[in-house]
Amino acid sequence: WGATVITNMLSAIPWIGQDFVEFVWGGFSVNNATLNRFFSAVMHMITLHQHGSSNPLGISSNADKIPMHPYYLFKDLVTIFFVFYMPNALGHSDNYIPANPMQTPPS
């Protein structure tokens, strides 16, 4: 049920939404093939996260990696704080003008 709800959010994309949802589902509803695709994608991401991507030169890139904690965790927490607790800092002042259905907005 969760896969149906989350993938139906993709239908909000203008013009291609419903077609894109059916492409992700692989049919007209969530079925076994859809769940196999999602499982494969999750396993792929876990493997990339644990072992990293291959390097065509064969050189170890461990020195170039940045650990997830604390760097990216801190960055994500700051972003979540601004988005959820300080939305006014990211908004535009015109959003506070009351809507007037009798007036056409300036171009």
Protein backbone atom coordinates (compact mmCIF):
# COMPACT_ATOMS: atom_id res chain seq x y z
CA TRP A 1 0.00 0.00 0.00
CA GLY A 2 2.86 2.37 0.76
CA ALA A 3 4.32 1.90 -2.72
CA THR A 4 0.97 2.85 -4.24
CA VAL A 5 0.67 6.02 -2.18
CA ILE A 6 4.24 7.19 -2.73
CA THR A 7 4.31 6.46 -6.46
CA ASN A 8 0.94 8.15 -6.96
CA MET A 9 2.63 11.38 -5.85
CA LEU A 10 4.49 11.24 -9.16
CA SER A 11 1.17 11.74 -10.95
CA ALA A 12 1.29 15.40 -9.88
CA ILE A 13 3.96 16.07 -12.52
CA PRO A 14 2.26 18.12 -15.25
CA TRP A 15 1.56 16.47 -18.63
CA ILE A 16 3.51 13.24 -18.01
CA GLY A 17 2.45 12.38 -14.46
CA GLN A 18 0.10 9.46 -15.02
CA ASP A 19 2.23 7.99 -17.81
CA PHE A 20 5.31 8.24 -15.60
CA VAL A 21 3.50 6.47 -12.74
CA GLU A 22 2.52 3.62 -15.06
CA PHE A 23 6.13 3.43 -16.28
CA VAL A 24 7.43 3.18 -12.71
CA TRP A 25 4.79 0.60 -11.85
CA GLY A 26 5.43 -1.42 -15.00
CA GLY A 27 1.70 -1.69 -15.57
CA PHE A 28 -1.56 -0.19 -14.37
CA SER A 29 -1.15 -1.06 -10.70
CA VAL A 30 1.49 -2.01 -8.15
CA ASN A 31 2.23 -5.70 -8.57
CA ASN A 32 5.05 -8.18 -8.02
CA ALA A 33 7.19 -6.69 -10.81
CA THR A 34 6.97 -3.25 -9.19
CA LEU A 35 8.06 -4.56 -5.82
CA ASN A 36 10.95 -6.46 -7.44
CA ARG A 37 12.10 -3.24 -9.14
CA PHE A 38 11.95 -1.27 -5.90
CA PHE A 39 13.79 -4.02 -4.02
CA SER A 40 16.50 -4.13 -6.70
CA ALA A 41 16.89 -0.34 -6.60
CA VAL A 42 17.23 -0.35 -2.80
CA MET A 43 19.78 -3.17 -2.86
CA HIS A 44 21.71 -1.31 -5.57
CA MET A 45 21.82 1.87 -3.45
CA ILE A 46 22.88 -0.05 -0.33
CA THR A 47 25.69 -1.76 -2.23
CA LEU A 48 26.91 1.54 -3.67
CA HIS A 49 26.79 3.13 -0.21
CA GLN A 50 28.76 0.33 1.44
CA HIS A 51 31.35 -0.46 -1.21
CA GLY A 52 31.39 2.61 -3.43
CA SER A 53 31.36 2.76 -7.19
CA SER A 54 34.05 1.16 -9.30
CA ASN A 55 36.96 3.23 -10.53
CA PRO A 56 38.07 2.58 -14.13
CA LEU A 57 41.67 3.49 -13.27
CA GLY A 58 41.85 0.93 -10.48
CA ILE A 59 43.05 3.55 -7.99
CA SER A 60 41.64 3.46 -4.48
CA SER A 61 39.53 6.54 -3.80
CA ASN A 62 39.18 6.08 -0.04
CA ALA A 63 41.18 9.25 0.62
CA ASP A 64 38.65 11.32 -1.34
CA LYS A 65 35.57 10.10 0.53
CA ILE A 66 33.83 12.23 3.12
CA PRO A 67 32.13 10.33 5.95
CA MET A 68 28.35 10.56 6.15
CA HIS A 69 28.49 11.42 9.84
CA PRO A 70 28.98 14.24 10.85
CA TYR A 71 29.33 16.20 7.59
CA TYR A 72 26.27 15.24 5.55
CA LEU A 73 24.16 14.56 8.62
CA PHE A 74 24.75 18.10 9.89
CA LYS A 75 24.03 19.58 6.44
CA ASP A 76 20.77 17.64 6.20
CA LEU A 77 19.69 18.65 9.71
CA VAL A 78 20.31 22.34 8.96
CA THR A 79 18.29 22.04 5.75
CA ILE A 80 15.41 20.31 7.54
CA PHE A 81 15.46 23.02 10.22
CA PHE A 82 15.14 25.80 7.64
CA VAL A 83 12.48 24.06 5.58
CA PHE A 84 10.22 23.04 8.47
CA TYR A 85 10.88 25.55 11.24
CA MET A 86 11.86 28.73 9.38
CA PRO A 87 9.90 28.68 6.11
CA ASN A 88 9.49 32.47 6.25
CA ALA A 89 13.25 32.92 5.86
CA LEU A 90 13.09 31.07 2.54
CA GLY A 91 9.89 32.65 1.23
CA HIS A 92 9.08 35.77 -0.75
CA SER A 93 7.33 38.77 0.80
CA ASP A 94 4.65 38.79 -1.93
CA ASN A 95 3.29 35.54 -0.48
CA TYR A 96 1.80 37.54 2.41
CA ILE A 97 -0.35 39.81 0.22
CA PRO A 98 -3.98 38.67 0.53
CA ALA A 99 -5.44 37.35 -2.70
CA ASN A 100 -7.94 39.64 -4.42
CA PRO A 101 -10.05 37.81 -7.02
CA MET A 102 -11.20 41.14 -8.51
CA GLN A 103 -7.69 42.34 -9.38
CA THR A 104 -5.37 41.03 -12.08
CA PRO A 105 -1.79 40.64 -10.87
CA PRO A 106 0.80 42.87 -12.56
CA SER A 107 2.87 41.23 -15.29
